[in-house]
Amino acid sequence: VFQSQKEMTWLGAVGAKWIVCGEHYYRLEAKGNKTLLLHGEEFKGILSYLIPPFITSMMKKTFEKHNQILKKRIENGK
């Protein structure tokens, strides 16, 4: 999915999507004169509940680091 200045998402899977897949997303929300970035991944499929919490926690930390780098680049005009 791509909606300019709103959202970009894509689905990744190894094998059949109904077994387990991840929908990675970037979503933008206008907040006055600022923009809020929502960034993450939602797991879907019948085996998605088997993904251990430490994996999702590790991914969250990686996304947060990525977002800080992205913020810095945008604010510096690069």
PDB file of N, CA and C in Angstrom:
ATOM      1  N   VAL A   1       0.853  -1.177   0.000  1.00  0.00           N
ATOM      2  CA  VAL A   1       0.000   0.000   0.000  1.00  0.00           C
ATOM      3  C   VAL A   1       0.889   1.227   0.000  1.00  0.00           C
ATOM      4  N   PHE A   2       0.559   2.194  -0.817  1.00  0.00           N
ATOM      5  CA  PHE A   2       1.262   3.470  -0.799  1.00  0.00           C
ATOM      6  C   PHE A   2       0.252   4.587  -0.986  1.00  0.00           C
ATOM      7  N   GLN A   3       0.210   5.497  -0.030  1.00  0.00           N
ATOM      8  CA  GLN A   3      -0.605   6.707  -0.125  1.00  0.00           C
ATOM      9  C   GLN A   3       0.331   7.857   0.183  1.00  0.00           C
ATOM     10  N   SER A   4       0.620   8.672  -0.815  1.00  0.00           N
ATOM     11  CA  SER A   4       1.578   9.760  -0.670  1.00  0.00           C
ATOM     12  C   SER A   4       1.294  10.598   0.571  1.00  0.00           C
ATOM     13  N   GLN A   5       2.331  10.834   1.355  1.00  0.00           N
ATOM     14  CA  GLN A   5       2.300  11.640   2.571  1.00  0.00           C
ATOM     15  C   GLN A   5       1.375  11.073   3.655  1.00  0.00           C
ATOM     16  N   LYS A   6       1.018   9.780   3.544  1.00  0.00           N
ATOM     17  CA  LYS A   6       0.148   9.161   4.544  1.00  0.00           C
ATOM     18  C   LYS A   6       0.663   7.814   5.028  1.00  0.00           C
ATOM     19  N   GLU A   7       0.939   6.915   4.073  1.00  0.00           N
ATOM     20  CA  GLU A   7       1.202   5.538   4.494  1.00  0.00           C
ATOM     21  C   GLU A   7       1.983   4.772   3.440  1.00  0.00           C
ATOM     22  N   MET A   8       2.845   3.877   3.927  1.00  0.00           N
ATOM     23  CA  MET A   8       3.515   2.912   3.075  1.00  0.00           C
ATOM     24  C   MET A   8       3.601   1.615   3.881  1.00  0.00           C
ATOM     25  N   THR A   9       3.038   0.555   3.348  1.00  0.00           N
ATOM     26  CA  THR A   9       3.081  -0.747   4.012  1.00  0.00           C
ATOM     27  C   THR A   9       3.422  -1.819   2.983  1.00  0.00           C
ATOM     28  N   TRP A  10       4.019  -2.900   3.473  1.00  0.00           N
ATOM     29  CA  TRP A  10       4.261  -4.046   2.612  1.00  0.00           C
ATOM     30  C   TRP A  10       4.226  -5.306   3.457  1.00  0.00           C
ATOM     31  N   LEU A  11       3.905  -6.393   2.782  1.00  0.00           N
ATOM     32  CA  LEU A  11       3.746  -7.679   3.445  1.00  0.00           C
ATOM     33  C   LEU A  11       4.922  -8.571   3.082  1.00  0.00           C
ATOM     34  N   GLY A  12       5.535  -9.163   4.093  1.00  0.00           N
ATOM     35  CA  GLY A  12       6.635 -10.087   3.859  1.00  0.00           C
ATOM     36  C   GLY A  12       6.297 -11.448   4.441  1.00  0.00           C
ATOM     37  N   ALA A  13       6.634 -12.481   3.708  1.00  0.00           N
ATOM     38  CA  ALA A  13       6.342 -13.836   4.176  1.00  0.00           C
ATOM     39  C   ALA A  13       7.372 -14.805   3.616  1.00  0.00           C
ATOM     40  N   VAL A  14       7.629 -15.837   4.363  1.00  0.00           N
ATOM     41  CA  VAL A  14       8.429 -16.951   3.877  1.00  0.00           C
ATOM     42  C   VAL A  14       7.436 -18.100   3.749  1.00  0.00           C
ATOM     43  N   GLY A  15       7.094 -18.419   2.536  1.00  0.00           N
ATOM     44  CA  GLY A  15       6.060 -19.429   2.329  1.00  0.00           C
ATOM     45  C   GLY A  15       4.688 -18.775   2.244  1.00  0.00           C
ATOM     46  N   ALA A  16       3.675 -19.523   2.629  1.00  0.00           N
ATOM     47  CA  ALA A  16       2.290 -19.060   2.516  1.00  0.00           C
ATOM     48  C   ALA A  16       1.985 -17.965   3.536  1.00  0.00           C
ATOM     49  N   LYS A  17       1.371 -16.890   3.079  1.00  0.00           N
ATOM     50  CA  LYS A  17       1.058 -15.750   3.949  1.00  0.00           C
ATOM     51  C   LYS A  17       0.068 -16.112   5.047  1.00  0.00           C
ATOM     52  N   TRP A  18      -0.776 -17.077   4.812  1.00  0.00           N
ATOM     53  CA  TRP A  18      -1.776 -17.428   5.828  1.00  0.00           C
ATOM     54  C   TRP A  18      -1.157 -18.176   7.005  1.00  0.00           C
ATOM     55  N   ILE A  19       0.072 -18.703   6.818  1.00  0.00           N
ATOM     56  CA  ILE A  19       0.744 -19.395   7.919  1.00  0.00           C
ATOM     57  C   ILE A  19       1.344 -18.364   8.869  1.00  0.00           C
ATOM     58  N   VAL A  20       2.240 -17.516   8.355  1.00  0.00           N
ATOM     59  CA  VAL A  20       2.776 -16.402   9.139  1.00  0.00           C
ATOM     60  C   VAL A  20       3.389 -15.387   8.170  1.00  0.00           C
ATOM     61  N   CYS A  21       3.105 -14.124   8.429  1.00  0.00           N
ATOM     62  CA  CYS A  21       3.661 -13.054   7.616  1.00  0.00           C
ATOM     63  C   CYS A  21       3.736 -11.794   8.471  1.00  0.00           C
ATOM     64  N   GLY A  22       4.492 -10.849   7.993  1.00  0.00           N
ATOM     65  CA  GLY A  22       4.622  -9.588   8.704  1.00  0.00           C
ATOM     66  C   GLY A  22       4.264  -8.427   7.795  1.00  0.00           C
ATOM     67  N   GLU A  23       3.445  -7.530   8.305  1.00  0.00           N
ATOM     68  CA  GLU A  23       3.109  -6.319   7.563  1.00  0.00           C
ATOM     69  C   GLU A  23       3.896  -5.167   8.185  1.00  0.00           C
ATOM     70  N   HIS A  24       4.903  -4.704   7.451  1.00  0.00           N
ATOM     71  CA  HIS A  24       5.753  -3.611   7.907  1.00  0.00           C
ATOM     72  C   HIS A  24       5.089  -2.307   7.472  1.00  0.00           C
ATOM     73  N   TYR A  25       5.127  -1.307   8.336  1.00  0.00           N
ATOM     74  CA  TYR A  25       4.440  -0.064   7.977  1.00  0.00           C
ATOM     75  C   TYR A  25       5.183   1.182   8.422  1.00  0.00           C
ATOM     76  N   TYR A  26       4.962   2.219   7.638  1.00  0.00           N
ATOM     77  CA  TYR A  26       5.290   3.596   7.981  1.00  0.00           C
ATOM     78  C   TYR A  26       3.979   4.350   7.791  1.00  0.00           C
ATOM     79  N   ARG A  27       3.525   5.040   8.820  1.00  0.00           N
ATOM     80  CA  ARG A  27       2.314   5.852   8.717  1.00  0.00           C
ATOM     81  C   ARG A  27       2.631   7.244   9.243  1.00  0.00           C
ATOM     82  N   LEU A  28       2.131   8.260   8.561  1.00  0.00           N
ATOM     83  CA  LEU A  28       2.362   9.646   8.950  1.00  0.00           C
ATOM     84  C   LEU A  28       1.053  10.269   9.407  1.00  0.00           C
ATOM     85  N   GLU A  29       1.121  11.003  10.519  1.00  0.00           N
ATOM     86  CA  GLU A  29      -0.050  11.729  11.028  1.00  0.00           C
ATOM     87  C   GLU A  29       0.345  13.177  11.276  1.00  0.00           C
ATOM     88  N   ALA A  30      -0.432  14.092  10.714  1.00  0.00           N
ATOM     89  CA  ALA A  30      -0.193  15.518  10.941  1.00  0.00           C
ATOM     90  C   ALA A  30      -0.604  15.865  12.367  1.00  0.00           C
ATOM     91  N   LYS A  31       0.275  16.567  13.068  1.00  0.00           N
ATOM     92  CA  LYS A  31       0.024  17.025  14.443  1.00  0.00           C
ATOM     93  C   LYS A  31       0.395  18.504  14.499  1.00  0.00           C
ATOM     94  N   GLY A  32      -0.553  19.362  14.121  1.00  0.00           N
ATOM     95  CA  GLY A  32      -0.259  20.790  14.068  1.00  0.00           C
ATOM     96  C   GLY A  32       0.784  21.057  12.998  1.00  0.00           C
ATOM     97  N   ASN A  33       1.907  21.680  13.385  1.00  0.00           N
ATOM     98  CA  ASN A  33       2.971  21.951  12.415  1.00  0.00           C
ATOM     99  C   ASN A  33       4.048  20.861  12.430  1.00  0.00           C
ATOM    100  N   LYS A  34       3.752  19.716  13.022  1.00  0.00           N
ATOM    101  CA  LYS A  34       4.677  18.595  13.079  1.00  0.00           C
ATOM    102  C   LYS A  34       4.043  17.365  12.447  1.00  0.00           C
ATOM    103  N   THR A  35       4.858  16.372  12.206  1.00  0.00           N
ATOM    104  CA  THR A  35       4.383  15.098  11.662  1.00  0.00           C
ATOM    105  C   THR A  35       4.826  13.974  12.584  1.00  0.00           C
ATOM    106  N   LEU A  36       3.890  13.106  12.924  1.00  0.00           N
ATOM    107  CA  LEU A  36       4.165  11.942  13.765  1.00  0.00           C
ATOM    108  C   LEU A  36       4.379  10.740  12.853  1.00  0.00           C
ATOM    109  N   LEU A  37       5.485  10.034  13.071  1.00  0.00           N
ATOM    110  CA  LEU A  37       5.781   8.815  12.322  1.00  0.00           C
ATOM    111  C   LEU A  37       5.396   7.614  13.165  1.00  0.00           C
ATOM    112  N   LEU A  38       4.544   6.757  12.635  1.00  0.00           N
ATOM    113  CA  LEU A  38       4.210   5.472  13.243  1.00  0.00           C
ATOM    114  C   LEU A  38       4.910   4.414  12.406  1.00  0.00           C
ATOM    115  N   HIS A  39       5.740   3.612  13.038  1.00  0.00           N
ATOM    116  CA  HIS A  39       6.584   2.671  12.314  1.00  0.00           C
ATOM    117  C   HIS A  39       6.609   1.354  13.084  1.00  0.00           C
ATOM    118  N   GLY A  40       6.343   0.281  12.402  1.00  0.00           N
ATOM    119  CA  GLY A  40       6.381  -1.001  13.084  1.00  0.00           C
ATOM    120  C   GLY A  40       6.060  -2.155  12.158  1.00  0.00           C
ATOM    121  N   GLU A  41       5.744  -3.272  12.780  1.00  0.00           N
ATOM    122  CA  GLU A  41       5.390  -4.476  12.039  1.00  0.00           C
ATOM    123  C   GLU A  41       4.335  -5.243  12.814  1.00  0.00           C
ATOM    124  N   GLU A  42       3.326  -5.688  12.088  1.00  0.00           N
ATOM    125  CA  GLU A  42       2.263  -6.499  12.678  1.00  0.00           C
ATOM    126  C   GLU A  42       2.349  -7.887  12.067  1.00  0.00           C
ATOM    127  N   PHE A  43       2.404  -8.896  12.927  1.00  0.00           N
ATOM    128  CA  PHE A  43       2.463 -10.266  12.441  1.00  0.00           C
ATOM    129  C   PHE A  43       1.053 -10.830  12.328  1.00  0.00           C
ATOM    130  N   LYS A  44       0.852 -11.582  11.254  1.00  0.00           N
ATOM    131  CA  LYS A  44      -0.456 -12.165  10.969  1.00  0.00           C
ATOM    132  C   LYS A  44      -0.277 -13.626  10.577  1.00  0.00           C
ATOM    133  N   GLY A  45      -1.362 -14.342  10.546  1.00  0.00           N
ATOM    134  CA  GLY A  45      -1.337 -15.744  10.142  1.00  0.00           C
ATOM    135  C   GLY A  45      -1.573 -16.655  11.335  1.00  0.00           C
ATOM    136  N   ILE A  46      -1.851 -17.910  11.026  1.00  0.00           N
ATOM    137  CA  ILE A  46      -2.247 -18.837  12.090  1.00  0.00           C
ATOM    138  C   ILE A  46      -1.119 -19.160  13.067  1.00  0.00           C
ATOM    139  N   LEU A  47       0.141 -18.969  12.667  1.00  0.00           N
ATOM    140  CA  LEU A  47       1.256 -19.257  13.566  1.00  0.00           C
ATOM    141  C   LEU A  47       1.922 -17.991  14.117  1.00  0.00           C
ATOM    142  N   SER A  48       1.322 -16.846  13.887  1.00  0.00           N
ATOM    143  CA  SER A  48       1.945 -15.592  14.328  1.00  0.00           C
ATOM    144  C   SER A  48       2.096 -15.517  15.848  1.00  0.00           C
ATOM    145  N   TYR A  49       1.241 -16.202  16.580  1.00  0.00           N
ATOM    146  CA  TYR A  49       1.324 -16.183  18.045  1.00  0.00           C
ATOM    147  C   TYR A  49       2.588 -16.881  18.554  1.00  0.00           C
ATOM    148  N   LEU A  50       3.267 -17.642  17.692  1.00  0.00           N
ATOM    149  CA  LEU A  50       4.481 -18.348  18.099  1.00  0.00           C
ATOM    150  C   LEU A  50       5.739 -17.470  18.073  1.00  0.00           C
ATOM    151  N   ILE A  51       5.614 -16.260  17.513  1.00  0.00           N
ATOM    152  CA  ILE A  51       6.772 -15.360  17.473  1.00  0.00           C
ATOM    153  C   ILE A  51       7.052 -14.910  18.899  1.00  0.00           C
ATOM    154  N   PRO A  52       8.238 -15.224  19.410  1.00  0.00           N
ATOM    155  CA  PRO A  52       8.529 -14.930  20.813  1.00  0.00           C
ATOM    156  C   PRO A  52       8.589 -13.426  21.095  1.00  0.00           C
ATOM    157  N   PRO A  53       8.169 -13.035  22.302  1.00  0.00           N
ATOM    158  CA  PRO A  53       8.166 -11.611  22.674  1.00  0.00           C
ATOM    159  C   PRO A  53       9.528 -10.939  22.558  1.00  0.00           C
ATOM    160  N   PHE A  54      10.629 -11.673  22.782  1.00  0.00           N
ATOM    161  CA  PHE A  54      11.938 -11.028  22.687  1.00  0.00           C
ATOM    162  C   PHE A  54      12.236 -10.587  21.253  1.00  0.00           C
ATOM    163  N   ILE A  55      11.672 -11.272  20.261  1.00  0.00           N
ATOM    164  CA  ILE A  55      11.863 -10.868  18.863  1.00  0.00           C
ATOM    165  C   ILE A  55      11.145  -9.551  18.609  1.00  0.00           C
ATOM    166  N   THR A  56       9.900  -9.440  19.037  1.00  0.00           N
ATOM    167  CA  THR A  56       9.159  -8.192  18.817  1.00  0.00           C
ATOM    168  C   THR A  56       9.774  -7.047  19.613  1.00  0.00           C
ATOM    169  N   SER A  57      10.291  -7.336  20.799  1.00  0.00           N
ATOM    170  CA  SER A  57      10.958  -6.314  21.605  1.00  0.00           C
ATOM    171  C   SER A  57      12.239  -5.835  20.912  1.00  0.00           C
ATOM    172  N   MET A  58      13.015  -6.768  20.383  1.00  0.00           N
ATOM    173  CA  MET A  58      14.244  -6.438  19.673  1.00  0.00           C
ATOM    174  C   MET A  58      13.927  -5.605  18.425  1.00  0.00           C
ATOM    175  N   MET A  59      12.857  -5.980  17.713  1.00  0.00           N
ATOM    176  CA  MET A  59      12.462  -5.238  16.522  1.00  0.00           C
ATOM    177  C   MET A  59      12.060  -3.813  16.888  1.00  0.00           C
ATOM    178  N   LYS A  60      11.337  -3.650  17.995  1.00  0.00           N
ATOM    179  CA  LYS A  60      10.904  -2.329  18.422  1.00  0.00           C
ATOM    180  C   LYS A  60      12.114  -1.430  18.675  1.00  0.00           C
ATOM    181  N   LYS A  61      13.136  -1.964  19.348  1.00  0.00           N
ATOM    182  CA  LYS A  61      14.349  -1.191  19.616  1.00  0.00           C
ATOM    183  C   LYS A  61      15.047  -0.804  18.320  1.00  0.00           C
ATOM    184  N   THR A  62      15.099  -1.729  17.366  1.00  0.00           N
ATOM    185  CA  THR A  62      15.717  -1.456  16.071  1.00  0.00           C
ATOM    186  C   THR A  62      14.945  -0.377  15.322  1.00  0.00           C
ATOM    187  N   PHE A  63      13.609  -0.453  15.339  1.00  0.00           N
ATOM    188  CA  PHE A  63      12.783   0.564  14.676  1.00  0.00           C
ATOM    189  C   PHE A  63      13.002   1.930  15.312  1.00  0.00           C
ATOM    190  N   GLU A  64      13.080   1.977  16.641  1.00  0.00           N
ATOM    191  CA  GLU A  64      13.288   3.253  17.332  1.00  0.00           C
ATOM    192  C   GLU A  64      14.626   3.878  16.943  1.00  0.00           C
ATOM    193  N   LYS A  65      15.672   3.059  16.854  1.00  0.00           N
ATOM    194  CA  LYS A  65      16.984   3.559  16.438  1.00  0.00           C
ATOM    195  C   LYS A  65      16.917   4.069  15.000  1.00  0.00           C
ATOM    196  N   HIS A  66      16.286   3.298  14.136  1.00  0.00           N
ATOM    197  CA  HIS A  66      16.103   3.700  12.738  1.00  0.00           C
ATOM    198  C   HIS A  66      15.374   5.043  12.659  1.00  0.00           C
ATOM    199  N   ASN A  67      14.324   5.194  13.449  1.00  0.00           N
ATOM    200  CA  ASN A  67      13.527   6.415  13.420  1.00  0.00           C
ATOM    201  C   ASN A  67      14.325   7.625  13.879  1.00  0.00           C
ATOM    202  N   GLN A  68      15.191   7.459  14.864  1.00  0.00           N
ATOM    203  CA  GLN A  68      16.030   8.565  15.324  1.00  0.00           C
ATOM    204  C   GLN A  68      17.005   8.997  14.230  1.00  0.00           C
ATOM    205  N   ILE A  69      17.581   8.039  13.525  1.00  0.00           N
ATOM    206  CA  ILE A  69      18.483   8.355  12.421  1.00  0.00           C
ATOM    207  C   ILE A  69      17.717   9.067  11.307  1.00  0.00           C
ATOM    208  N   LEU A  70      16.533   8.559  10.974  1.00  0.00           N
ATOM    209  CA  LEU A  70      15.693   9.174   9.950  1.00  0.00           C
ATOM    210  C   LEU A  70      15.323  10.601  10.332  1.00  0.00           C
ATOM    211  N   LYS A  71      14.927  10.821  11.589  1.00  0.00           N
ATOM    212  CA  LYS A  71      14.563  12.155  12.080  1.00  0.00           C
ATOM    213  C   LYS A  71      15.727  13.127  11.923  1.00  0.00           C
ATOM    214  N   LYS A  72      16.913  12.688  12.309  1.00  0.00           N
ATOM    215  CA  LYS A  72      18.099  13.524  12.213  1.00  0.00           C
ATOM    216  C   LYS A  72      18.391  13.904  10.756  1.00  0.00           C
ATOM    217  N   ARG A  73      18.274  12.934   9.871  1.00  0.00           N
ATOM    218  CA  ARG A  73      18.537  13.206   8.437  1.00  0.00           C
ATOM    219  C   ARG A  73      17.520  14.185   7.877  1.00  0.00           C
ATOM    220  N   ILE A  74      16.263  14.018   8.239  1.00  0.00           N
ATOM    221  CA  ILE A  74      15.216  14.918   7.733  1.00  0.00           C
ATOM    222  C   ILE A  74      15.436  16.327   8.266  1.00  0.00           C
ATOM    223  N   GLU A  75      15.728  16.448   9.552  1.00  0.00           N
ATOM    224  CA  GLU A  75      15.926  17.770  10.147  1.00  0.00           C
ATOM    225  C   GLU A  75      17.162  18.464   9.595  1.00  0.00           C
ATOM    226  N   ASN A  76      18.160  17.686   9.150  1.00  0.00           N
ATOM    227  CA  ASN A  76      19.364  18.260   8.565  1.00  0.00           C
ATOM    228  C   ASN A  76      19.248  18.459   7.047  1.00  0.00           C
ATOM    229  N   GLY A  77      18.069  18.112   6.498  1.00  0.00           N
ATOM    230  CA  GLY A  77      17.830  18.317   5.069  1.00  0.00           C
ATOM    231  C   GLY A  77      18.607  17.388   4.156  1.00  0.00           C
ATOM    232  N   LYS A  78      18.883  16.181   4.628  1.00  0.00           N
ATOM    233  CA  LYS A  78      19.638  15.211   3.799  1.00  0.00           C
ATOM    234  C   LYS A  78      18.742  14.092   3.335  1.00  0.00           C
TER     235      LYS A  78
END
